[in-house]
Amino acid sequence: MIKVTLIRPNGCQHCVAVKEVLEKLKSEYDLTVEDIDMATEEGQALVQKYGILSSPGILINDEFFAMGGATEEQFREKFESLK
């Protein structure tokens, strides 16, 4: 199973688009997707730890992957490398 964590603020439309891509990929990859609000204590700790400057910050299997989003192609490439 691949765990994807989105660190994002409430109301982020770009983050919603990234989540839609991940929902689409769930049928091909064994994914779980977790949202963490940047405004929470946990969210702020992750922002500081990974230096996230734009939303969403994306972790894959608890390792930093990207900030500001990622394309379907970038996700596919990463997920394939984890198989």
C-alpha atoms as a PDB file:
ATOM      1  CA  MET A   1       0.000   0.000   0.000  1.00  0.00           C
ATOM      2  CA  ILE A   2       1.196   3.511  -0.865  1.00  0.00           C
ATOM      3  CA  LYS A   3       0.352   6.309   1.571  1.00  0.00           C
ATOM      4  CA  VAL A   4      -0.050   9.810   0.152  1.00  0.00           C
ATOM      5  CA  THR A   5      -0.345  12.726   2.569  1.00  0.00           C
ATOM      6  CA  LEU A   6      -1.527  16.157   1.431  1.00  0.00           C
ATOM      7  CA  ILE A   7      -0.616  19.035   3.723  1.00  0.00           C
ATOM      8  CA  ARG A   8      -2.940  21.860   2.710  1.00  0.00           C
ATOM      9  CA  PRO A   9      -5.028  24.795   3.872  1.00  0.00           C
ATOM     10  CA  ASN A  10      -8.814  24.692   3.905  1.00  0.00           C
ATOM     11  CA  GLY A  11     -10.391  25.960   0.698  1.00  0.00           C
ATOM     12  CA  CYS A  12      -7.403  25.287  -1.579  1.00  0.00           C
ATOM     13  CA  GLN A  13      -8.883  24.595  -5.022  1.00  0.00           C
ATOM     14  CA  HIS A  14      -5.506  23.518  -6.427  1.00  0.00           C
ATOM     15  CA  CYS A  15      -5.340  20.929  -3.642  1.00  0.00           C
ATOM     16  CA  VAL A  16      -8.780  19.626  -4.633  1.00  0.00           C
ATOM     17  CA  ALA A  17      -7.506  19.114  -8.200  1.00  0.00           C
ATOM     18  CA  VAL A  18      -4.500  17.136  -6.925  1.00  0.00           C
ATOM     19  CA  LYS A  19      -6.792  14.997  -4.785  1.00  0.00           C
ATOM     20  CA  GLU A  20      -8.985  14.274  -7.843  1.00  0.00           C
ATOM     21  CA  VAL A  21      -5.916  12.974  -9.709  1.00  0.00           C
ATOM     22  CA  LEU A  22      -5.086  10.725  -6.755  1.00  0.00           C
ATOM     23  CA  GLU A  23      -8.674   9.435  -6.573  1.00  0.00           C
ATOM     24  CA  LYS A  24      -8.412   8.503 -10.260  1.00  0.00           C
ATOM     25  CA  LEU A  25      -5.150   6.626  -9.639  1.00  0.00           C
ATOM     26  CA  LYS A  26      -6.576   4.646  -6.699  1.00  0.00           C
ATOM     27  CA  SER A  27      -8.028   2.108  -9.131  1.00  0.00           C
ATOM     28  CA  GLU A  28      -4.546   1.373 -10.527  1.00  0.00           C
ATOM     29  CA  TYR A  29      -2.415   1.631  -7.397  1.00  0.00           C
ATOM     30  CA  ASP A  30      -3.104   0.575  -3.826  1.00  0.00           C
ATOM     31  CA  LEU A  31      -3.314   4.117  -2.407  1.00  0.00           C
ATOM     32  CA  THR A  32      -4.509   5.697   0.791  1.00  0.00           C
ATOM     33  CA  VAL A  33      -4.834   9.477   0.757  1.00  0.00           C
ATOM     34  CA  GLU A  34      -4.693  11.515   3.952  1.00  0.00           C
ATOM     35  CA  ASP A  35      -5.368  15.259   4.271  1.00  0.00           C
ATOM     36  CA  ILE A  36      -3.704  17.297   6.987  1.00  0.00           C
ATOM     37  CA  ASP A  37      -4.786  20.904   7.496  1.00  0.00           C
ATOM     38  CA  MET A  38      -1.787  23.252   7.510  1.00  0.00           C
ATOM     39  CA  ALA A  39      -3.382  25.290  10.294  1.00  0.00           C
ATOM     40  CA  THR A  40      -3.259  22.417  12.791  1.00  0.00           C
ATOM     41  CA  GLU A  41      -0.331  21.730  15.086  1.00  0.00           C
ATOM     42  CA  GLU A  42       0.476  18.570  13.104  1.00  0.00           C
ATOM     43  CA  GLY A  43       0.237  20.492   9.826  1.00  0.00           C
ATOM     44  CA  GLN A  44       2.517  23.281  11.057  1.00  0.00           C
ATOM     45  CA  ALA A  45       5.079  20.725  12.239  1.00  0.00           C
ATOM     46  CA  LEU A  46       5.148  19.122   8.771  1.00  0.00           C
ATOM     47  CA  VAL A  47       5.376  22.523   7.036  1.00  0.00           C
ATOM     48  CA  GLN A  48       8.410  23.345   9.175  1.00  0.00           C
ATOM     49  CA  LYS A  49      10.013  19.914   8.837  1.00  0.00           C
ATOM     50  CA  TYR A  50       9.811  19.820   5.028  1.00  0.00           C
ATOM     51  CA  GLY A  51      10.017  23.560   4.293  1.00  0.00           C
ATOM     52  CA  ILE A  52       6.681  23.570   2.472  1.00  0.00           C
ATOM     53  CA  LEU A  53       6.175  26.964   0.831  1.00  0.00           C
ATOM     54  CA  SER A  54       3.231  26.230  -1.468  1.00  0.00           C
ATOM     55  CA  SER A  55       0.126  24.065  -1.276  1.00  0.00           C
ATOM     56  CA  PRO A  56      -0.296  21.213  -1.205  1.00  0.00           C
ATOM     57  CA  GLY A  57       2.785  19.722   0.314  1.00  0.00           C
ATOM     58  CA  ILE A  58       2.842  16.075  -0.751  1.00  0.00           C
ATOM     59  CA  LEU A  59       4.406  13.202   1.161  1.00  0.00           C
ATOM     60  CA  ILE A  60       4.537   9.682  -0.212  1.00  0.00           C
ATOM     61  CA  ASN A  61       5.112   6.962   2.369  1.00  0.00           C
ATOM     62  CA  ASP A  62       6.055   9.702   4.860  1.00  0.00           C
ATOM     63  CA  GLU A  63       8.827  11.070   2.606  1.00  0.00           C
ATOM     64  CA  PHE A  64       8.711  14.484   0.934  1.00  0.00           C
ATOM     65  CA  PHE A  65       7.644  14.262  -2.729  1.00  0.00           C
ATOM     66  CA  ALA A  66       6.552  17.721  -3.911  1.00  0.00           C
ATOM     67  CA  MET A  67       5.033  21.057  -2.992  1.00  0.00           C
ATOM     68  CA  GLY A  68       2.582  23.075  -5.022  1.00  0.00           C
ATOM     69  CA  GLY A  69       1.100  19.948  -6.579  1.00  0.00           C
ATOM     70  CA  ALA A  70       2.181  17.276  -9.026  1.00  0.00           C
ATOM     71  CA  THR A  71       0.947  15.980 -12.361  1.00  0.00           C
ATOM     72  CA  GLU A  72      -0.655  12.622 -12.968  1.00  0.00           C
ATOM     73  CA  GLU A  73       2.496  11.640 -14.881  1.00  0.00           C
ATOM     74  CA  GLN A  74       4.739  12.544 -11.929  1.00  0.00           C
ATOM     75  CA  PHE A  75       2.572  10.519  -9.555  1.00  0.00           C
ATOM     76  CA  ARG A  76       2.546   7.526 -11.938  1.00  0.00           C
ATOM     77  CA  GLU A  77       6.336   7.603 -12.265  1.00  0.00           C
ATOM     78  CA  LYS A  78       6.769   7.664  -8.477  1.00  0.00           C
ATOM     79  CA  PHE A  79       4.162   4.964  -7.840  1.00  0.00           C
ATOM     80  CA  GLU A  80       5.717   2.701 -10.479  1.00  0.00           C
ATOM     81  CA  SER A  81       9.114   3.089  -8.808  1.00  0.00           C
ATOM     82  CA  LEU A  82       7.560   1.885  -5.522  1.00  0.00           C
ATOM     83  CA  LYS A  83       6.089  -1.320  -6.948  1.00  0.00           C
END
